[in-house]
PDB file of all heavy atoms in Angstrom:
ATOM      1  N   ILE A   1      90.550 164.105  54.301  1.00  0.00           N
ATOM      2  CA  ILE A   1      89.683 163.525  53.265  1.00  0.00           C
ATOM      3  C   ILE A   1      89.588 164.470  52.076  1.00  0.00           C
ATOM      4  O   ILE A   1      89.758 164.063  50.911  1.00  0.00           O
ATOM      5  CB  ILE A   1      88.282 163.233  53.840  1.00  0.00           C
ATOM      6  CG1 ILE A   1      88.340 162.069  54.836  1.00  0.00           C
ATOM      7  CG2 ILE A   1      87.298 162.918  52.714  1.00  0.00           C
ATOM      8  CD1 ILE A   1      87.055 161.856  55.608  1.00  0.00           C
ATOM      9  N   PHE A   2      89.319 165.751  52.360  1.00  0.00           N
ATOM     10  CA  PHE A   2      89.163 166.725  51.275  1.00  0.00           C
ATOM     11  C   PHE A   2      90.459 166.873  50.474  1.00  0.00           C
ATOM     12  O   PHE A   2      90.432 166.991  49.245  1.00  0.00           O
ATOM     13  CB  PHE A   2      88.735 168.076  51.846  1.00  0.00           C
ATOM     14  CG  PHE A   2      87.398 168.056  52.523  1.00  0.00           C
ATOM     15  CD1 PHE A   2      87.115 168.932  53.578  1.00  0.00           C
ATOM     16  CD2 PHE A   2      86.400 167.189  52.105  1.00  0.00           C
ATOM     17  CE1 PHE A   2      85.871 168.922  54.194  1.00  0.00           C
ATOM     18  CE2 PHE A   2      85.152 167.170  52.734  1.00  0.00           C
ATOM     19  CZ  PHE A   2      84.895 168.047  53.772  1.00  0.00           C
ATOM     20  N   LYS A   3      91.598 166.870  51.165  1.00  0.00           N
ATOM     21  CA  LYS A   3      92.893 167.016  50.478  1.00  0.00           C
ATOM     22  C   LYS A   3      93.161 165.803  49.581  1.00  0.00           C
ATOM     23  O   LYS A   3      93.620 165.949  48.440  1.00  0.00           O
ATOM     24  CB  LYS A   3      94.010 167.173  51.506  1.00  0.00           C
ATOM     25  CG  LYS A   3      95.372 167.480  50.871  1.00  0.00           C
ATOM     26  CD  LYS A   3      95.346 168.852  50.203  1.00  0.00           C
ATOM     27  CE  LYS A   3      96.731 169.315  49.765  1.00  0.00           C
ATOM     28  NZ  LYS A   3      97.284 168.515  48.655  1.00  0.00           N
ATOM     29  N   HIS A   4      92.874 164.610  50.091  1.00  0.00           N
ATOM     30  CA  HIS A   4      93.057 163.417  49.266  1.00  0.00           C
ATOM     31  C   HIS A   4      92.164 163.468  48.031  1.00  0.00           C
ATOM     32  O   HIS A   4      92.594 163.108  46.931  1.00  0.00           O
ATOM     33  CB  HIS A   4      92.739 162.150  50.082  1.00  0.00           C
ATOM     34  CG  HIS A   4      93.902 161.639  50.864  1.00  0.00           C
ATOM     35  ND1 HIS A   4      94.487 162.354  51.878  1.00  0.00           N
ATOM     36  CD2 HIS A   4      94.603 160.476  50.792  1.00  0.00           C
ATOM     37  CE1 HIS A   4      95.492 161.670  52.392  1.00  0.00           C
ATOM     38  NE2 HIS A   4      95.589 160.518  51.739  1.00  0.00           N
ATOM     39  N   ALA A   5      90.911 163.904  48.218  1.00  0.00           N
ATOM     40  CA  ALA A   5      89.987 163.989  47.079  1.00  0.00           C
ATOM     41  C   ALA A   5      90.448 165.037  46.074  1.00  0.00           C
ATOM     42  O   ALA A   5      90.383 164.821  44.862  1.00  0.00           O
ATOM     43  CB  ALA A   5      88.582 164.312  47.576  1.00  0.00           C
ATOM     44  N   GLU A   6      90.920 166.177  46.586  1.00  0.00           N
ATOM     45  CA  GLU A   6      91.402 167.237  45.702  1.00  0.00           C
ATOM     46  C   GLU A   6      92.601 166.752  44.888  1.00  0.00           C
ATOM     47  O   GLU A   6      92.761 167.122  43.717  1.00  0.00           O
ATOM     48  CB  GLU A   6      91.788 168.462  46.518  1.00  0.00           C
ATOM     49  CG  GLU A   6      92.182 169.650  45.662  1.00  0.00           C
ATOM     50  CD  GLU A   6      92.634 170.851  46.472  1.00  0.00           C
ATOM     51  OE1 GLU A   6      93.465 170.670  47.385  1.00  0.00           O
ATOM     52  OE2 GLU A   6      92.163 171.969  46.187  1.00  0.00           O
ATOM     53  N   ASP A   7      93.436 165.922  45.503  1.00  0.00           N
ATOM     54  CA  ASP A   7      94.612 165.379  44.820  1.00  0.00           C
ATOM     55  C   ASP A   7      94.294 164.130  44.008  1.00  0.00           C
ATOM     56  O   ASP A   7      95.206 163.429  43.541  1.00  0.00           O
ATOM     57  CB  ASP A   7      95.710 165.054  45.840  1.00  0.00           C
ATOM     58  CG  ASP A   7      96.271 166.288  46.519  1.00  0.00           C
ATOM     59  OD1 ASP A   7      96.081 167.387  45.977  1.00  0.00           O
ATOM     60  OD2 ASP A   7      96.877 166.162  47.603  1.00  0.00           O
ATOM     61  N   ASN A   8      93.008 163.832  43.875  1.00  0.00           N
ATOM     62  CA  ASN A   8      92.534 162.669  43.117  1.00  0.00           C
ATOM     63  C   ASN A   8      93.006 161.343  43.714  1.00  0.00           C
ATOM     64  O   ASN A   8      93.179 160.357  43.002  1.00  0.00           O
ATOM     65  CB  ASN A   8      92.967 162.763  41.653  1.00  0.00           C
ATOM     66  CG  ASN A   8      92.122 161.900  40.740  1.00  0.00           C
ATOM     67  OD1 ASN A   8      90.947 161.665  41.022  1.00  0.00           O
ATOM     68  ND2 ASN A   8      92.700 161.417  39.658  1.00  0.00           N
ATOM     69  N   LYS A   9      93.180 161.320  45.023  1.00  0.00           N
ATOM     70  CA  LYS A   9      93.540 160.080  45.701  1.00  0.00           C
ATOM     71  C   LYS A   9      92.262 159.406  46.211  1.00  0.00           C
ATOM     72  O   LYS A   9      92.071 159.208  47.405  1.00  0.00           O
ATOM     73  CB  LYS A   9      94.500 160.360  46.858  1.00  0.00           C
ATOM     74  CG  LYS A   9      95.847 160.918  46.415  1.00  0.00           C
ATOM     75  CD  LYS A   9      96.735 161.202  47.618  1.00  0.00           C
ATOM     76  CE  LYS A   9      98.076 161.770  47.184  1.00  0.00           C
ATOM     77  NZ  LYS A   9      98.934 162.102  48.356  1.00  0.00           N
ATOM     78  N   VAL A  10      91.396 159.091  45.271  1.00  0.00           N
ATOM     79  CA  VAL A  10      90.107 158.479  45.592  1.00  0.00           C
ATOM     80  C   VAL A  10      90.068 157.093  44.974  1.00  0.00           C
ATOM     81  O   VAL A  10      90.450 156.912  43.832  1.00  0.00           O
ATOM     82  CB  VAL A  10      88.942 159.331  45.053  1.00  0.00           C
ATOM     83  CG1 VAL A  10      87.606 158.656  45.330  1.00  0.00           C
ATOM     84  CG2 VAL A  10      88.971 160.727  45.675  1.00  0.00           C
ATOM     85  N   GLY A  11      89.585 156.132  45.744  1.00  0.00           N
ATOM     86  CA  GLY A  11      89.542 154.765  45.241  1.00  0.00           C
ATOM     87  C   GLY A  11      90.892 154.073  45.415  1.00  0.00           C
ATOM     88  O   GLY A  11      91.663 154.395  46.321  1.00  0.00           O
ATOM     89  N   VAL A  12      91.201 153.169  44.527  1.00  0.00           N
ATOM     90  CA  VAL A  12      92.451 152.430  44.632  1.00  0.00           C
ATOM     91  C   VAL A  12      93.614 153.328  44.240  1.00  0.00           C
ATOM     92  O   VAL A  12      93.434 154.332  43.543  1.00  0.00           O
ATOM     93  CB  VAL A  12      92.428 151.185  43.719  1.00  0.00           C
ATOM     94  CG1 VAL A  12      91.382 150.198  44.175  1.00  0.00           C
ATOM     95  CG2 VAL A  12      92.185 151.584  42.262  1.00  0.00           C
ATOM     96  N   PRO A  13      94.851 153.022  44.699  1.00  0.00           N
ATOM     97  CA  PRO A  13      96.017 153.852  44.365  1.00  0.00           C
ATOM     98  C   PRO A  13      96.197 154.014  42.857  1.00  0.00           C
ATOM     99  O   PRO A  13      95.785 153.157  42.068  1.00  0.00           O
ATOM    100  CB  PRO A  13      97.173 153.068  44.985  1.00  0.00           C
ATOM    101  CG  PRO A  13      96.565 152.267  46.075  1.00  0.00           C
ATOM    102  CD  PRO A  13      95.198 151.919  45.594  1.00  0.00           C
ATOM    103  N   ALA A  14      96.823 155.118  42.469  1.00  0.00           N
ATOM    104  CA  ALA A  14      96.970 155.453  41.049  1.00  0.00           C
ATOM    105  C   ALA A  14      97.668 154.348  40.265  1.00  0.00           C
ATOM    106  O   ALA A  14      97.298 154.049  39.127  1.00  0.00           O
ATOM    107  CB  ALA A  14      97.743 156.762  40.916  1.00  0.00           C
ATOM    108  N   ARG A  15      98.671 153.717  40.868  1.00  0.00           N
ATOM    109  CA  ARG A  15      99.407 152.676  40.139  1.00  0.00           C
ATOM    110  C   ARG A  15      98.516 151.469  39.842  1.00  0.00           C
ATOM    111  O   ARG A  15      98.727 150.758  38.872  1.00  0.00           O
ATOM    112  CB  ARG A  15     100.641 152.256  40.926  1.00  0.00           C
ATOM    113  CG  ARG A  15     100.340 151.557  42.237  1.00  0.00           C
ATOM    114  CD  ARG A  15     101.638 151.209  42.975  1.00  0.00           C
ATOM    115  NE  ARG A  15     101.386 150.487  44.202  1.00  0.00           N
ATOM    116  CZ  ARG A  15     101.041 151.035  45.345  1.00  0.00           C
ATOM    117  NH1 ARG A  15     100.915 152.344  45.416  1.00  0.00           N
ATOM    118  NH2 ARG A  15     100.833 150.288  46.425  1.00  0.00           N
ATOM    119  N   ILE A  16      97.517 151.231  40.725  1.00  0.00           N
ATOM    120  CA  ILE A  16      96.582 150.147  40.491  1.00  0.00           C
ATOM    121  C   ILE A  16      95.507 150.572  39.493  1.00  0.00           C
ATOM    122  O   ILE A  16      95.055 149.783  38.660  1.00  0.00           O
ATOM    123  CB  ILE A  16      95.912 149.697  41.805  1.00  0.00           C
ATOM    124  CG1 ILE A  16      96.972 149.332  42.841  1.00  0.00           C
ATOM    125  CG2 ILE A  16      94.987 148.518  41.563  1.00  0.00           C
ATOM    126  CD1 ILE A  16      97.855 148.174  42.427  1.00  0.00           C
ATOM    127  N   GLN A  17      95.125 151.850  39.546  1.00  0.00           N
ATOM    128  CA  GLN A  17      94.108 152.358  38.628  1.00  0.00           C
ATOM    129  C   GLN A  17      94.530 152.178  37.184  1.00  0.00           C
ATOM    130  O   GLN A  17      93.702 151.960  36.297  1.00  0.00           O
ATOM    131  CB  GLN A  17      93.832 153.830  38.909  1.00  0.00           C
ATOM    132  CG  GLN A  17      93.076 154.083  40.199  1.00  0.00           C
ATOM    133  CD  GLN A  17      92.756 155.554  40.389  1.00  0.00           C
ATOM    134  OE1 GLN A  17      92.732 156.319  39.434  1.00  0.00           O
ATOM    135  NE2 GLN A  17      92.510 155.950  41.615  1.00  0.00           N
ATOM    136  N   LEU A  18      95.836 152.292  36.935  1.00  0.00           N
ATOM    137  CA  LEU A  18      96.341 152.148  35.578  1.00  0.00           C
ATOM    138  C   LEU A  18      96.059 150.753  35.020  1.00  0.00           C
ATOM    139  O   LEU A  18      95.988 150.558  33.814  1.00  0.00           O
ATOM    140  CB  LEU A  18      97.850 152.425  35.543  1.00  0.00           C
ATOM    141  CG  LEU A  18      98.262 153.862  35.864  1.00  0.00           C
ATOM    142  CD1 LEU A  18      99.778 153.989  35.906  1.00  0.00           C
ATOM    143  CD2 LEU A  18      97.694 154.825  34.827  1.00  0.00           C
ATOM    144  N   MET A  19      95.910 149.778  35.931  1.00  0.00           N
ATOM    145  CA  MET A  19      95.675 148.402  35.494  1.00  0.00           C
ATOM    146  C   MET A  19      94.187 148.066  35.432  1.00  0.00           C
ATOM    147  O   MET A  19      93.795 146.995  35.023  1.00  0.00           O
ATOM    148  CB  MET A  19      96.363 147.428  36.467  1.00  0.00           C
ATOM    149  CG  MET A  19      97.877 147.606  36.500  1.00  0.00           C
ATOM    150  SD  MET A  19      98.689 146.356  37.513  1.00  0.00           S
ATOM    151  CE  MET A  19      98.077 146.790  39.144  1.00  0.00           C
ATOM    152  N   LEU A  20      93.355 148.994  35.892  1.00  0.00           N
ATOM    153  CA  LEU A  20      91.926 148.740  35.945  1.00  0.00           C
ATOM    154  C   LEU A  20      91.170 149.598  34.948  1.00  0.00           C
ATOM    155  O   LEU A  20      91.582 150.711  34.627  1.00  0.00           O
ATOM    156  CB  LEU A  20      91.386 149.023  37.360  1.00  0.00           C
ATOM    157  CG  LEU A  20      91.971 148.177  38.497  1.00  0.00           C
ATOM    158  CD1 LEU A  20      91.414 148.662  39.833  1.00  0.00           C
ATOM    159  CD2 LEU A  20      91.648 146.703  38.296  1.00  0.00           C
ATOM    160  N   LYS A  21      90.060 149.089  34.521  1.00  0.00           N
ATOM    161  CA  LYS A  21      89.200 149.864  33.639  1.00  0.00           C
ATOM    162  C   LYS A  21      88.517 150.955  34.439  1.00  0.00           C
ATOM    163  O   LYS A  21      88.079 150.736  35.554  1.00  0.00           O
ATOM    164  CB  LYS A  21      88.145 148.931  33.021  1.00  0.00           C
ATOM    165  CG  LYS A  21      87.203 149.612  32.042  1.00  0.00           C
ATOM    166  CD  LYS A  21      86.203 148.607  31.502  1.00  0.00           C
ATOM    167  CE  LYS A  21      85.215 149.293  30.566  1.00  0.00           C
ATOM    168  NZ  LYS A  21      84.218 148.328  30.039  1.00  0.00           N
ATOM    169  N   SER A  22      88.439 152.145  33.866  1.00  0.00           N
ATOM    170  CA  SER A  22      87.783 153.248  34.562  1.00  0.00           C
ATOM    171  C   SER A  22      86.342 152.876  34.864  1.00  0.00           C
ATOM    172  O   SER A  22      85.634 152.336  34.023  1.00  0.00           O
ATOM    173  CB  SER A  22      87.815 154.503  33.677  1.00  0.00           C
ATOM    174  OG  SER A  22      87.120 155.555  34.291  1.00  0.00           O
ATOM    175  N   ARG A  23      85.896 153.183  36.110  1.00  0.00           N
ATOM    176  CA  ARG A  23      84.573 152.751  36.548  1.00  0.00           C
ATOM    177  C   ARG A  23      83.805 153.904  37.204  1.00  0.00           C
ATOM    178  O   ARG A  23      84.363 154.642  38.000  1.00  0.00           O
ATOM    179  CB  ARG A  23      84.691 151.592  37.531  1.00  0.00           C
ATOM    180  CG  ARG A  23      83.355 151.142  38.077  1.00  0.00           C
ATOM    181  CD  ARG A  23      83.451 149.861  38.861  1.00  0.00           C
ATOM    182  NE  ARG A  23      82.137 149.460  39.322  1.00  0.00           N
ATOM    183  CZ  ARG A  23      81.221 148.906  38.545  1.00  0.00           C
ATOM    184  NH1 ARG A  23      81.497 148.652  37.290  1.00  0.00           N
ATOM    185  NH2 ARG A  23      80.033 148.589  39.013  1.00  0.00           N
ATOM    186  N   ASP A  24      82.559 154.018  36.857  1.00  0.00           N
ATOM    187  CA  ASP A  24      81.681 155.022  37.438  1.00  0.00           C
ATOM    188  C   ASP A  24      81.033 154.416  38.685  1.00  0.00           C
ATOM    189  O   ASP A  24      80.280 153.447  38.606  1.00  0.00           O
ATOM    190  CB  ASP A  24      80.609 155.424  36.430  1.00  0.00           C
ATOM    191  CG  ASP A  24      79.835 156.657  36.878  1.00  0.00           C
ATOM    192  OD1 ASP A  24      79.695 156.845  38.103  1.00  0.00           O
ATOM    193  OD2 ASP A  24      79.378 157.420  36.022  1.00  0.00           O
ATOM    194  N   ARG A  25      81.313 154.998  39.846  1.00  0.00           N
ATOM    195  CA  ARG A  25      80.819 154.469  41.122  1.00  0.00           C
ATOM    196  C   ARG A  25      79.287 154.480  41.192  1.00  0.00           C
ATOM    197  O   ARG A  25      78.680 153.696  41.919  1.00  0.00           O
ATOM    198  CB  ARG A  25      81.415 155.302  42.264  1.00  0.00           C
ATOM    199  CG  ARG A  25      81.085 154.782  43.652  1.00  0.00           C
ATOM    200  CD  ARG A  25      81.809 155.627  44.687  1.00  0.00           C
ATOM    201  NE  ARG A  25      81.450 155.195  46.023  1.00  0.00           N
ATOM    202  CZ  ARG A  25      80.359 155.608  46.666  1.00  0.00           C
ATOM    203  NH1 ARG A  25      79.531 156.445  46.078  1.00  0.00           N
ATOM    204  NH2 ARG A  25      80.100 155.170  47.890  1.00  0.00           N
ATOM    205  N   ARG A  26      78.661 155.354  40.437  1.00  0.00           N
ATOM    206  CA  ARG A  26      77.210 155.440  40.476  1.00  0.00           C
ATOM    207  C   ARG A  26      76.532 154.173  39.949  1.00  0.00           C
ATOM    208  O   ARG A  26      75.402 153.870  40.308  1.00  0.00           O
ATOM    209  CB  ARG A  26      76.746 156.666  39.679  1.00  0.00           C
ATOM    210  CG  ARG A  26      77.182 157.991  40.309  1.00  0.00           C
ATOM    211  CD  ARG A  26      76.862 159.157  39.408  1.00  0.00           C
ATOM    212  NE  ARG A  26      77.605 159.090  38.151  1.00  0.00           N
ATOM    213  CZ  ARG A  26      77.475 159.971  37.165  1.00  0.00           C
ATOM    214  NH1 ARG A  26      76.637 160.985  37.284  1.00  0.00           N
ATOM    215  NH2 ARG A  26      78.181 159.844  36.044  1.00  0.00           N
ATOM    216  N   LEU A  27      77.250 153.417  39.114  1.00  0.00           N
ATOM    217  CA  LEU A  27      76.704 152.154  38.631  1.00  0.00           C
ATOM    218  C   LEU A  27      76.470 151.196  39.788  1.00  0.00           C
ATOM    219  O   LEU A  27      75.455 150.483  39.834  1.00  0.00           O
ATOM    220  CB  LEU A  27      77.666 151.520  37.609  1.00  0.00           C
ATOM    221  CG  LEU A  27      77.926 152.313  36.334  1.00  0.00           C
ATOM    222  CD1 LEU A  27      78.954 151.579  35.484  1.00  0.00           C
ATOM    223  CD2 LEU A  27      76.640 152.531  35.545  1.00  0.00           C
ATOM    224  N   ASP A  28      77.412 151.191  40.744  1.00  0.00           N
ATOM    225  CA  ASP A  28      77.261 150.312  41.906  1.00  0.00           C
ATOM    226  C   ASP A  28      76.059 150.725  42.751  1.00  0.00           C
ATOM    227  O   ASP A  28      75.374 149.878  43.341  1.00  0.00           O
ATOM    228  CB  ASP A  28      78.535 150.335  42.743  1.00  0.00           C
ATOM    229  CG  ASP A  28      79.716 149.725  42.018  1.00  0.00           C
ATOM    230  OD1 ASP A  28      79.507 148.763  41.263  1.00  0.00           O
ATOM    231  OD2 ASP A  28      80.843 150.213  42.179  1.00  0.00           O
ATOM    232  N   VAL A  29      75.828 152.039  42.859  1.00  0.00           N
ATOM    233  CA  VAL A  29      74.685 152.536  43.631  1.00  0.00           C
ATOM    234  C   VAL A  29      73.374 152.061  43.003  1.00  0.00           C
ATOM    235  O   VAL A  29      72.475 151.574  43.697  1.00  0.00           O
ATOM    236  CB  VAL A  29      74.707 154.084  43.694  1.00  0.00           C
ATOM    237  CG1 VAL A  29      73.445 154.597  44.353  1.00  0.00           C
ATOM    238  CG2 VAL A  29      75.938 154.556  44.451  1.00  0.00           C
ATOM    239  N   LEU A  30      73.273 152.153  41.681  1.00  0.00           N
ATOM    240  CA  LEU A  30      72.062 151.719  40.989  1.00  0.00           C
ATOM    241  C   LEU A  30      71.855 150.214  41.121  1.00  0.00           C
ATOM    242  O   LEU A  30      70.734 149.740  41.323  1.00  0.00           O
ATOM    243  CB  LEU A  30      72.130 152.117  39.512  1.00  0.00           C
ATOM    244  CG  LEU A  30      72.095 153.627  39.233  1.00  0.00           C
ATOM    245  CD1 LEU A  30      72.385 153.909  37.773  1.00  0.00           C
ATOM    246  CD2 LEU A  30      70.748 154.210  39.623  1.00  0.00           C
ATOM    247  N   LYS A  31      72.930 149.456  41.031  1.00  0.00           N
ATOM    248  CA  LYS A  31      72.841 148.001  41.184  1.00  0.00           C
ATOM    249  C   LYS A  31      72.392 147.642  42.596  1.00  0.00           C
ATOM    250  O   LYS A  31      71.551 146.758  42.790  1.00  0.00           O
ATOM    251  CB  LYS A  31      74.197 147.364  40.875  1.00  0.00           C
ATOM    252  CG  LYS A  31      74.586 147.421  39.403  1.00  0.00           C
ATOM    253  CD  LYS A  31      76.037 147.020  39.185  1.00  0.00           C
ATOM    254  CE  LYS A  31      76.287 145.589  39.535  1.00  0.00           C
ATOM    255  NZ  LYS A  31      77.680 145.189  39.256  1.00  0.00           N
TER     256      LYS A  31
END
C-alpha cells in the first residue's frame, strides 16, 4: 500500500486519470 501511494498509484489508473478532472477526495468526505 505504502509503495503504491509513494508511486502515486492512488485512485484510478494514471491513463484513466488523464481523462478525468482532478478531484479532491475530501469533498466526498464533507458531502
